[in-house]
C-alpha atoms as a PDB file:
ATOM      1  CA  MET A   1      48.901  40.644 -95.136  1.00  0.00           C
ATOM      2  CA  HIS A   2      49.424  44.162 -96.570  1.00  0.00           C
ATOM      3  CA  ILE A   3      51.879  44.590 -94.110  1.00  0.00           C
ATOM      4  CA  SER A   4      53.968  41.779 -95.121  1.00  0.00           C
ATOM      5  CA  LEU A   5      54.022  43.223 -99.157  1.00  0.00           C
ATOM      6  CA  TYR A   6      55.184  45.753 -98.260  1.00  0.00           C
ATOM      7  CA  LEU A   7      58.006  44.195 -95.971  1.00  0.00           C
ATOM      8  CA  CYS A   8      58.762  41.840 -98.759  1.00  0.00           C
ATOM      9  CA  THR A   9      58.568  45.003-101.470  1.00  0.00           C
ATOM     10  CA  PHE A  10      61.186  47.619 -99.330  1.00  0.00           C
ATOM     11  CA  ALA A  11      63.784  44.553 -99.413  1.00  0.00           C
ATOM     12  CA  THR A  12      63.422  43.685-102.759  1.00  0.00           C
ATOM     13  CA  ILE A  13      64.241  47.932-103.634  1.00  0.00           C
ATOM     14  CA  PHE A  14      66.645  47.912-101.267  1.00  0.00           C
ATOM     15  CA  LEU A  15      68.552  44.821-101.303  1.00  0.00           C
ATOM     16  CA  ILE A  16      68.790  43.385-104.770  1.00  0.00           C
ATOM     17  CA  PRO A  17      70.678  46.136-105.896  1.00  0.00           C
ATOM     18  CA  THR A  18      73.430  45.969-103.114  1.00  0.00           C
ATOM     19  CA  VAL A  19      73.667  42.434-103.923  1.00  0.00           C
ATOM     20  CA  PHE A  20      73.832  42.688-108.377  1.00  0.00           C
ATOM     21  CA  ALA A  21      76.118  45.146-107.237  1.00  0.00           C
ATOM     22  CA  HIS A  22      79.197  43.159-105.194  1.00  0.00           C
ATOM     23  CA  GLU A  23      78.335  40.452-108.655  1.00  0.00           C
ATOM     24  CA  ASP A  24      79.135  43.499-111.209  1.00  0.00           C
ATOM     25  CA  ASP A  25      82.876  43.322-110.219  1.00  0.00           C
ATOM     26  CA  VAL A  26      84.928  43.347-113.478  1.00  0.00           C
ATOM     27  CA  HIS A  27      88.364  42.895-111.773  1.00  0.00           C
ATOM     28  CA  THR A  28      87.730  39.875-109.335  1.00  0.00           C
ATOM     29  CA  LEU A  29      87.955  36.843-110.658  1.00  0.00           C
ATOM     30  CA  LYS A  30      84.566  34.551-109.774  1.00  0.00           C
ATOM     31  CA  TYR A  31      85.675  30.758-109.005  1.00  0.00           C
ATOM     32  CA  ASN A  32      82.837  28.192-109.160  1.00  0.00           C
ATOM     33  CA  ALA A  33      83.230  24.462-108.104  1.00  0.00           C
ATOM     34  CA  ASP A  34      83.918  23.459-111.614  1.00  0.00           C
ATOM     35  CA  ASN A  35      86.711  25.947-111.674  1.00  0.00           C
ATOM     36  CA  PHE A  36      88.441  26.898-108.511  1.00  0.00           C
ATOM     37  CA  SER A  37      90.634  23.337-108.187  1.00  0.00           C
ATOM     38  CA  GLU A  38      91.743  23.723-111.254  1.00  0.00           C
ATOM     39  CA  GLU A  39      92.485  27.153-111.371  1.00  0.00           C
ATOM     40  CA  VAL A  40      93.752  27.843-107.670  1.00  0.00           C
ATOM     41  CA  GLY A  41      96.051  25.400-108.243  1.00  0.00           C
ATOM     42  CA  LYS A  42      98.249  27.313-110.922  1.00  0.00           C
ATOM     43  CA  LYS A  43      99.208  30.333-109.525  1.00  0.00           C
ATOM     44  CA  ASN A  44      99.162  32.181-105.900  1.00  0.00           C
ATOM     45  CA  HIS A  45      95.247  32.893-104.786  1.00  0.00           C
ATOM     46  CA  PHE A  46      93.562  35.886-102.151  1.00  0.00           C
ATOM     47  CA  VAL A  47      90.380  34.202-102.141  1.00  0.00           C
ATOM     48  CA  MET A  48      87.119  35.489-100.623  1.00  0.00           C
ATOM     49  CA  PHE A  49      84.326  33.154 -99.392  1.00  0.00           C
ATOM     50  CA  TYR A  50      81.319  34.796 -99.110  1.00  0.00           C
ATOM     51  CA  ALA A  51      77.635  35.359 -98.858  1.00  0.00           C
ATOM     52  CA  PRO A  52      76.290  38.312-101.208  1.00  0.00           C
ATOM     53  CA  TRP A  53      74.158  39.697 -97.857  1.00  0.00           C
ATOM     54  CA  GLN A  54      77.000  39.618 -96.368  1.00  0.00           C
ATOM     55  CA  VAL A  55      80.123  41.255 -97.431  1.00  0.00           C
ATOM     56  CA  GLN A  56      78.963  44.622 -98.767  1.00  0.00           C
ATOM     57  CA  ARG A  57      80.955  46.873 -96.684  1.00  0.00           C
ATOM     58  CA  LEU A  58      84.799  44.829 -98.211  1.00  0.00           C
ATOM     59  CA  ALA A  59      83.086  43.581-101.271  1.00  0.00           C
ATOM     60  CA  PRO A  60      84.322  47.532-102.654  1.00  0.00           C
ATOM     61  CA  THR A  61      87.914  47.405-100.631  1.00  0.00           C
ATOM     62  CA  TRP A  62      88.109  43.389-102.383  1.00  0.00           C
ATOM     63  CA  GLU A  63      87.502  45.344-105.728  1.00  0.00           C
ATOM     64  CA  GLN A  64      90.164  47.624-105.726  1.00  0.00           C
ATOM     65  CA  LEU A  65      92.715  44.408-104.715  1.00  0.00           C
ATOM     66  CA  ALA A  66      91.864  42.677-107.667  1.00  0.00           C
ATOM     67  CA  GLU A  67      91.844  46.408-109.748  1.00  0.00           C
ATOM     68  CA  MET A  68      96.036  46.351-108.352  1.00  0.00           C
ATOM     69  CA  LEU A  69      96.926  42.570-108.834  1.00  0.00           C
ATOM     70  CA  ASN A  70      95.178  40.829-111.633  1.00  0.00           C
ATOM     71  CA  GLU A  71      97.626  41.901-114.002  1.00  0.00           C
ATOM     72  CA  GLU A  72      99.180  39.023-117.236  1.00  0.00           C
ATOM     73  CA  ASP A  73     102.466  39.871-115.277  1.00  0.00           C
ATOM     74  CA  SER A  74     101.290  38.892-111.624  1.00  0.00           C
ATOM     75  CA  ASN A  75     102.750  36.316-109.038  1.00  0.00           C
ATOM     76  CA  ILE A  76      99.573  36.503-107.522  1.00  0.00           C
ATOM     77  CA  LYS A  77      95.058  36.208-108.000  1.00  0.00           C
ATOM     78  CA  ILE A  78      91.707  38.104-106.642  1.00  0.00           C
ATOM     79  CA  ALA A  79      89.217  36.155-105.981  1.00  0.00           C
ATOM     80  CA  LYS A  80      85.956  35.835-104.744  1.00  0.00           C
ATOM     81  CA  VAL A  81      83.393  31.904-104.236  1.00  0.00           C
ATOM     82  CA  ASP A  82      79.978  33.156-104.382  1.00  0.00           C
ATOM     83  CA  CYS A  83      79.136  30.036-100.921  1.00  0.00           C
ATOM     84  CA  THR A  84      74.800  30.195-101.515  1.00  0.00           C
ATOM     85  CA  THR A  85      75.424  28.745-104.271  1.00  0.00           C
ATOM     86  CA  GLU A  86      78.788  26.718-104.118  1.00  0.00           C
ATOM     87  CA  SER A  87      78.470  25.087-101.228  1.00  0.00           C
ATOM     88  CA  LYS A  88      80.442  22.294-101.563  1.00  0.00           C
ATOM     89  CA  VAL A  89      83.198  24.008-102.431  1.00  0.00           C
ATOM     90  CA  CYS A  90      82.746  26.315 -99.791  1.00  0.00           C
ATOM     91  CA  ALA A  91      82.147  23.054 -97.728  1.00  0.00           C
ATOM     92  CA  ASP A  92      85.367  21.602 -98.758  1.00  0.00           C
ATOM     93  CA  GLU A  93      87.872  24.677 -97.708  1.00  0.00           C
ATOM     94  CA  ASP A  94      85.788  24.262 -93.838  1.00  0.00           C
ATOM     95  CA  VAL A  95      84.192  27.513 -94.663  1.00  0.00           C
ATOM     96  CA  THR A  96      81.621  28.260 -91.030  1.00  0.00           C
ATOM     97  CA  GLY A  97      81.254  32.153 -91.620  1.00  0.00           C
ATOM     98  CA  TYR A  98      81.207  35.009 -94.103  1.00  0.00           C
ATOM     99  CA  PRO A  99      83.552  36.029 -95.439  1.00  0.00           C
ATOM    100  CA  THR A 100      86.230  33.932 -95.171  1.00  0.00           C
ATOM    101  CA  LEU A 101      89.491  35.531 -96.789  1.00  0.00           C
ATOM    102  CA  LYS A 102      91.956  32.644 -97.282  1.00  0.00           C
ATOM    103  CA  PHE A 103      95.433  32.453 -98.990  1.00  0.00           C
ATOM    104  CA  PHE A 104      96.626  29.725-101.411  1.00  0.00           C
ATOM    105  CA  LYS A 105     100.556  28.309-102.463  1.00  0.00           C
ATOM    106  CA  VAL A 106     100.955  26.777-105.204  1.00  0.00           C
ATOM    107  CA  GLY A 107     102.779  23.300-103.920  1.00  0.00           C
ATOM    108  CA  TYR A 108     100.361  23.736-100.660  1.00  0.00           C
ATOM    109  CA  ALA A 109      97.125  21.823-100.893  1.00  0.00           C
ATOM    110  CA  GLU A 110      95.539  24.042 -97.636  1.00  0.00           C
ATOM    111  CA  GLY A 111      94.792  26.870 -97.898  1.00  0.00           C
ATOM    112  CA  VAL A 112      96.260  29.904 -94.689  1.00  0.00           C
ATOM    113  CA  LYS A 113      93.250  31.799 -93.590  1.00  0.00           C
ATOM    114  CA  PHE A 114      93.845  35.920 -93.140  1.00  0.00           C
ATOM    115  CA  ARG A 115      92.466  37.225 -89.407  1.00  0.00           C
ATOM    116  CA  GLY A 116      93.117  40.606 -89.363  1.00  0.00           C
ATOM    117  CA  THR A 117      92.011  43.780 -89.859  1.00  0.00           C
ATOM    118  CA  ARG A 118      89.906  43.538 -93.122  1.00  0.00           C
ATOM    119  CA  ASP A 119      91.079  47.105 -94.198  1.00  0.00           C
ATOM    120  CA  LEU A 120      93.466  47.038 -97.747  1.00  0.00           C
ATOM    121  CA  PRO A 121      97.081  47.830 -95.381  1.00  0.00           C
ATOM    122  CA  SER A 122      96.405  45.127 -93.542  1.00  0.00           C
ATOM    123  CA  LEU A 123      95.465  42.722 -96.630  1.00  0.00           C
ATOM    124  CA  THR A 124      98.430  44.075 -98.793  1.00  0.00           C
ATOM    125  CA  ASN A 125     101.113  43.069 -95.691  1.00  0.00           C
ATOM    126  CA  PHE A 126      99.071  39.700 -95.245  1.00  0.00           C
ATOM    127  CA  ILE A 127      99.354  38.962 -99.366  1.00  0.00           C
ATOM    128  CA  ASN A 128     103.245  40.368 -98.504  1.00  0.00           C
ATOM    129  CA  GLU A 129     103.856  37.816 -95.924  1.00  0.00           C
ATOM    130  CA  GLN A 130     102.633  35.049 -97.990  1.00  0.00           C
ATOM    131  CA  LEU A 131     104.545  35.844-100.867  1.00  0.00           C
ATOM    132  CA  ARG A 132     107.258  36.003 -98.745  1.00  0.00           C
ATOM    133  CA  GLU A 133     106.801  33.017 -97.416  1.00  0.00           C
ATOM    134  CA  VAL A 134     106.926  31.597-100.704  1.00  0.00           C
ATOM    135  CA  ARG A 135     109.955  32.931-102.469  1.00  0.00           C
ATOM    136  CA  ASN A 136     111.979  31.544 -99.642  1.00  0.00           C
ATOM    137  CA  ARG A 137     110.040  28.056-100.180  1.00  0.00           C
ATOM    138  CA  GLN A 138     111.344  28.187-103.690  1.00  0.00           C
ATOM    139  CA  ARG A 139     114.880  30.133-102.951  1.00  0.00           C
ATOM    140  CA  ARG A 140     115.024  26.972-100.329  1.00  0.00           C
ATOM    141  CA  SER A 141     113.899  24.835-103.914  1.00  0.00           C
ATOM    142  CA  GLU A 142     116.682  26.056-105.206  1.00  0.00           C
ATOM    143  CA  ALA A 143     119.771  25.608-102.945  1.00  0.00           C
ATOM    144  CA  GLN A 144     118.504  21.639-103.051  1.00  0.00           C
ATOM    145  CA  VAL A 145     118.662  20.550-106.328  1.00  0.00           C
ATOM    146  CA  ASP A 146     121.794  23.372-107.993  1.00  0.00           C
ATOM    147  CA  ARG A 147     124.849  21.431-108.331  1.00  0.00           C
ATOM    148  CA  TYR A 148     128.718  23.460-109.051  1.00  0.00           C
ATOM    149  CA  GLN A 149     130.488  22.518-112.057  1.00  0.00           C
ATOM    150  CA  GLY A 150     132.820  25.835-111.656  1.00  0.00           C
ATOM    151  CA  ASP A 151     136.638  26.155-110.950  1.00  0.00           C
ATOM    152  CA  ARG A 152     137.432  24.759-107.937  1.00  0.00           C
ATOM    153  CA  SER A 153     139.597  27.373-106.463  1.00  0.00           C
ATOM    154  CA  HIS A 154     139.388  29.521-103.114  1.00  0.00           C
ATOM    155  CA  ASP A 155     138.175  32.492-104.510  1.00  0.00           C
ATOM    156  CA  ASP A 156     135.150  30.797-106.761  1.00  0.00           C
ATOM    157  CA  LEU A 157     134.080  28.997-104.671  1.00  0.00           C
ATOM    158  CA  LYS A 158     134.167  31.044-102.241  1.00  0.00           C
ATOM    159  CA  GLN A 159     131.070  33.304-104.666  1.00  0.00           C
ATOM    160  CA  TYR A 160     129.669  30.409-105.480  1.00  0.00           C
ATOM    161  CA  VAL A 161     129.049  29.662-101.585  1.00  0.00           C
ATOM    162  CA  GLY A 162     127.799  33.620-101.257  1.00  0.00           C
ATOM    163  CA  LYS A 163     125.633  33.248-104.399  1.00  0.00           C
ATOM    164  CA  MET A 164     124.067  30.617-103.114  1.00  0.00           C
ATOM    165  CA  LEU A 165     123.700  32.456 -99.251  1.00  0.00           C
ATOM    166  CA  GLY A 166     122.214  34.968-100.157  1.00  0.00           C
ATOM    167  CA  THR A 167     125.231  36.748 -98.854  1.00  0.00           C
ATOM    168  CA  ASP A 168     126.791  38.718-101.869  1.00  0.00           C
ATOM    169  CA  LYS A 169     124.025  40.116-103.665  1.00  0.00           C
ATOM    170  CA  GLU A 170     122.679  40.865-100.479  1.00  0.00           C
ATOM    171  CA  LYS A 171     125.843  42.450-100.239  1.00  0.00           C
ATOM    172  CA  GLN A 172     125.686  44.459-103.988  1.00  0.00           C
ATOM    173  CA  GLY A 173     122.290  44.792-103.578  1.00  0.00           C
ATOM    174  CA  ASP A 174     122.652  46.582-100.121  1.00  0.00           C
ATOM    175  CA  GLY A 175     125.650  48.974-101.529  1.00  0.00           C
ATOM    176  CA  GLU A 176     123.469  50.160-104.907  1.00  0.00           C
ATOM    177  CA  GLN A 177     120.502  50.821-102.420  1.00  0.00           C
ATOM    178  CA  GLY A 178     122.630  52.776 -99.776  1.00  0.00           C
ATOM    179  CA  ASP A 179     124.397  54.313-102.641  1.00  0.00           C
ATOM    180  CA  GLU A 180     120.757  55.869-104.132  1.00  0.00           C
ATOM    181  CA  VAL A 181     119.815  56.597-101.115  1.00  0.00           C
ATOM    182  CA  SER A 182     121.920  58.746-100.146  1.00  0.00           C
ATOM    183  CA  ALA A 183     122.986  60.380-103.390  1.00  0.00           C
ATOM    184  CA  THR A 184     119.477  61.405-104.341  1.00  0.00           C
ATOM    185  CA  GLY A 185     117.206  60.979-101.270  1.00  0.00           C
ATOM    186  CA  SER A 186     115.224  58.783-103.947  1.00  0.00           C
ATOM    187  CA  GLU A 187     114.092  56.230-100.959  1.00  0.00           C
ATOM    188  CA  LEU A 188     112.186  57.175 -97.944  1.00  0.00           C
ATOM    189  CA  THR A 189     111.673  55.142 -94.908  1.00  0.00           C
ATOM    190  CA  GLY A 190     109.286  55.131 -91.620  1.00  0.00           C
ATOM    191  CA  ASP A 191     113.222  55.992 -89.469  1.00  0.00           C
ATOM    192  CA  ASN A 192     113.811  59.152 -91.615  1.00  0.00           C
ATOM    193  CA  PHE A 193     110.517  59.515 -93.191  1.00  0.00           C
ATOM    194  CA  LYS A 194     109.836  62.991 -90.896  1.00  0.00           C
ATOM    195  CA  GLU A 195     112.694  64.442 -92.067  1.00  0.00           C
ATOM    196  CA  GLY A 196     113.083  63.605 -95.220  1.00  0.00           C
ATOM    197  CA  ILE A 197     109.846  66.335 -96.030  1.00  0.00           C
ATOM    198  CA  GLU A 198     110.476  68.239 -93.719  1.00  0.00           C
ATOM    199  CA  THR A 199     111.961  71.546 -95.653  1.00  0.00           C
ATOM    200  CA  GLY A 200     110.718  71.758 -99.569  1.00  0.00           C
ATOM    201  CA  THR A 201     108.401  70.291-101.771  1.00  0.00           C
ATOM    202  CA  THR A 202     108.253  66.940-101.396  1.00  0.00           C
ATOM    203  CA  PHE A 203     106.700  64.255-103.623  1.00  0.00           C
ATOM    204  CA  VAL A 204     106.363  60.631-102.674  1.00  0.00           C
ATOM    205  CA  LYS A 205     105.039  57.540-103.869  1.00  0.00           C
ATOM    206  CA  PHE A 206     103.943  54.824-102.138  1.00  0.00           C
ATOM    207  CA  PHE A 207     104.514  51.376-103.665  1.00  0.00           C
ATOM    208  CA  ALA A 208     104.577  47.978-102.898  1.00  0.00           C
ATOM    209  CA  PRO A 209     107.009  45.475-105.474  1.00  0.00           C
ATOM    210  CA  TRP A 210     104.127  43.280-106.822  1.00  0.00           C
ATOM    211  CA  CYS A 211     101.797  45.933-107.795  1.00  0.00           C
ATOM    212  CA  GLY A 212     101.500  45.839-111.401  1.00  0.00           C
ATOM    213  CA  HIS A 213     100.404  49.439-111.156  1.00  0.00           C
ATOM    214  CA  CYS A 214     103.619  50.258-109.113  1.00  0.00           C
ATOM    215  CA  LYS A 215     106.197  48.536-111.589  1.00  0.00           C
ATOM    216  CA  ARG A 216     104.658  49.992-115.208  1.00  0.00           C
ATOM    217  CA  LEU A 217     105.160  53.677-113.715  1.00  0.00           C
ATOM    218  CA  SER A 218     108.587  52.875-111.232  1.00  0.00           C
ATOM    219  CA  PRO A 219     110.589  53.545-114.416  1.00  0.00           C
ATOM    220  CA  THR A 220     108.136  56.838-115.292  1.00  0.00           C
ATOM    221  CA  TRP A 221     109.194  58.169-111.314  1.00  0.00           C
ATOM    222  CA  ASP A 222     112.594  57.840-111.751  1.00  0.00           C
ATOM    223  CA  SER A 223     112.329  59.932-115.038  1.00  0.00           C
ATOM    224  CA  LEU A 224     110.167  63.026-112.924  1.00  0.00           C
ATOM    225  CA  ARG A 225     113.162  62.086-110.290  1.00  0.00           C
ATOM    226  CA  GLU A 226     115.726  63.320-112.849  1.00  0.00           C
ATOM    227  CA  LYS A 227     113.874  66.091-113.681  1.00  0.00           C
ATOM    228  CA  PHE A 228     113.163  67.672-110.906  1.00  0.00           C
ATOM    229  CA  SER A 229     117.464  66.975-109.773  1.00  0.00           C
ATOM    230  CA  THR A 230     118.425  70.261-110.597  1.00  0.00           C
ATOM    231  CA  LYS A 231     115.853  72.343-108.808  1.00  0.00           C
ATOM    232  CA  PRO A 232     117.050  72.363-105.087  1.00  0.00           C
ATOM    233  CA  GLY A 233     113.361  72.530-102.602  1.00  0.00           C
ATOM    234  CA  VAL A 234     112.450  70.054-104.509  1.00  0.00           C
ATOM    235  CA  SER A 235     112.119  66.034-103.667  1.00  0.00           C
ATOM    236  CA  ILE A 236     111.056  63.407-105.728  1.00  0.00           C
ATOM    237  CA  VAL A 237     111.065  59.732-103.490  1.00  0.00           C
ATOM    238  CA  LYS A 238     109.339  56.559-102.816  1.00  0.00           C
ATOM    239  CA  VAL A 239     108.208  53.866 -99.937  1.00  0.00           C
ATOM    240  CA  ASP A 240     108.333  50.598 -99.695  1.00  0.00           C
ATOM    241  CA  CYS A 241     104.956  49.716 -97.601  1.00  0.00           C
ATOM    242  CA  THR A 242     105.254  46.050 -97.789  1.00  0.00           C
ATOM    243  CA  ILE A 243     109.020  46.368 -95.335  1.00  0.00           C
ATOM    244  CA  ASP A 244     108.366  46.502 -91.718  1.00  0.00           C
ATOM    245  CA  ALA A 245     110.352  49.422 -91.120  1.00  0.00           C
ATOM    246  CA  ASN A 246     107.275  51.198 -93.315  1.00  0.00           C
ATOM    247  CA  LYS A 247     104.233  49.269 -92.297  1.00  0.00           C
ATOM    248  CA  GLN A 248     103.319  52.337 -89.927  1.00  0.00           C
ATOM    249  CA  LEU A 249     104.125  54.985 -91.712  1.00  0.00           C
ATOM    250  CA  CYS A 250     101.654  53.927 -94.287  1.00  0.00           C
ATOM    251  CA  ASN A 251      98.966  53.155 -92.064  1.00  0.00           C
ATOM    252  CA  ASP A 252     100.203  56.777 -90.717  1.00  0.00           C
ATOM    253  CA  GLU A 253      99.974  58.856 -94.070  1.00  0.00           C
ATOM    254  CA  GLU A 254      96.391  56.685 -94.967  1.00  0.00           C
ATOM    255  CA  VAL A 255      97.627  54.862 -97.677  1.00  0.00           C
ATOM    256  CA  GLU A 256      95.118  52.639 -98.655  1.00  0.00           C
ATOM    257  CA  GLY A 257      95.676  51.780-102.797  1.00  0.00           C
ATOM    258  CA  PHE A 258      98.876  51.121-104.617  1.00  0.00           C
ATOM    259  CA  PRO A 259     100.597  53.354-105.471  1.00  0.00           C
ATOM    260  CA  SER A 260      99.372  56.373-103.333  1.00  0.00           C
ATOM    261  CA  MET A 261     100.654  59.676-104.421  1.00  0.00           C
ATOM    262  CA  PHE A 262     101.240  62.343-101.838  1.00  0.00           C
ATOM    263  CA  LEU A 263     101.978  66.132-102.139  1.00  0.00           C
ATOM    264  CA  TYR A 264     103.865  67.294 -99.575  1.00  0.00           C
ATOM    265  CA  LYS A 265     105.394  71.929 -98.814  1.00  0.00           C
ATOM    266  CA  ASN A 266     107.332  72.134 -95.489  1.00  0.00           C
ATOM    267  CA  GLY A 267     106.654  68.712 -93.977  1.00  0.00           C
ATOM    268  CA  VAL A 268     102.762  68.506 -94.763  1.00  0.00           C
ATOM    269  CA  LYS A 269     100.338  66.992 -96.272  1.00  0.00           C
ATOM    270  CA  VAL A 270      98.920  69.626 -99.299  1.00  0.00           C
ATOM    271  CA  SER A 271      97.291  67.384-101.528  1.00  0.00           C
ATOM    272  CA  GLU A 272      96.823  63.165-103.572  1.00  0.00           C
ATOM    273  CA  TYR A 273      97.416  63.287-106.792  1.00  0.00           C
ATOM    274  CA  SER A 274      95.189  61.213-108.469  1.00  0.00           C
ATOM    275  CA  GLY A 275      95.649  62.193-112.888  1.00  0.00           C
ATOM    276  CA  SER A 276      97.035  60.356-115.339  1.00  0.00           C
ATOM    277  CA  ARG A 277     100.269  58.707-114.544  1.00  0.00           C
ATOM    278  CA  SER A 278     102.105  60.761-117.729  1.00  0.00           C
ATOM    279  CA  LEU A 279     105.290  62.017-116.675  1.00  0.00           C
ATOM    280  CA  ASP A 280     103.454  65.520-118.415  1.00  0.00           C
ATOM    281  CA  ASP A 281     101.171  65.354-115.728  1.00  0.00           C
ATOM    282  CA  LEU A 282     103.463  64.543-112.973  1.00  0.00           C
ATOM    283  CA  TYR A 283     105.318  67.279-113.581  1.00  0.00           C
ATOM    284  CA  ASP A 284     102.669  69.504-114.563  1.00  0.00           C
ATOM    285  CA  PHE A 285     101.651  68.349-110.755  1.00  0.00           C
ATOM    286  CA  VAL A 286     104.443  69.082-109.305  1.00  0.00           C
ATOM    287  CA  VAL A 287     104.792  72.936-110.914  1.00  0.00           C
ATOM    288  CA  LYS A 288     101.293  73.789-109.943  1.00  0.00           C
ATOM    289  CA  HIS A 289     102.460  73.985-106.331  1.00  0.00           C
ATOM    290  CA  LEU A 290     105.744  75.030-106.834  1.00  0.00           C
ATOM    291  CA  GLY A 291     106.100  78.903-105.723  1.00  0.00           C
ATOM    292  CA  HIS A 292     107.126  82.010-107.664  1.00  0.00           C
ATOM    293  CA  ASP A 293     110.914  81.657-106.001  1.00  0.00           C
ATOM    294  CA  GLU A 294     111.104  77.681-106.435  1.00  0.00           C
ATOM    295  CA  LEU A 295     110.324  77.692-109.785  1.00  0.00           C
END
């Protein structure tokens, strides 16, 4: 009897705080039977169906994902459903193990199960793939209902068709991006990253276009690049981790969240920036790592 009491006390001491820690998540939305269907129908969702005692390893990563994405201007929400209290919701979603992760697209009846490794890069890559499908579907839908009302000259019709197919816009965008890369070296890829950081001081922002924090940092990062544009040997660049060609690079560089900012000297990573994202603080961080001959 004493042994049973001891085990019970042990479980109370060590298990309950763990469960409470998961319940204290501040960024992840928590749904129940009353609001699940309504909320998921409003916006794209990535939902974790879980039991508190079987999700401790994933919980911090899920909360980090929610902190990045649960912004007002985001087109996706990160949420969770506790299957120990919301059994009907989990049964309706065919949840047979914990945790089960499903992506729900607006306008689709069924969610898509995530079956990959439960780390932040794999989860964000999956989100990007699902959002790309959503964007493609929207474009097809818009193309089907659009009606041409312009002039019927050859040039106008050709421009309209190119616009609807996306070719005209893509060609212009590719040209602009190419000019930017060749002129300032502002964006690196998996193909040229090693060469881009092998000499001098390089401050790299690893980002995802849909990340709210990344969007807010973008104009500051452009200003930072401009401030160092006249200093030889200093480069302020960025890497889009959602592009297929860059996914392995971001994994190799151990990018665990967006944005991640790493400083390299002569090809070697020497520091990760984790301070305020103000222009002055970012500038001071780079200057601190410059040698006297670089100032």
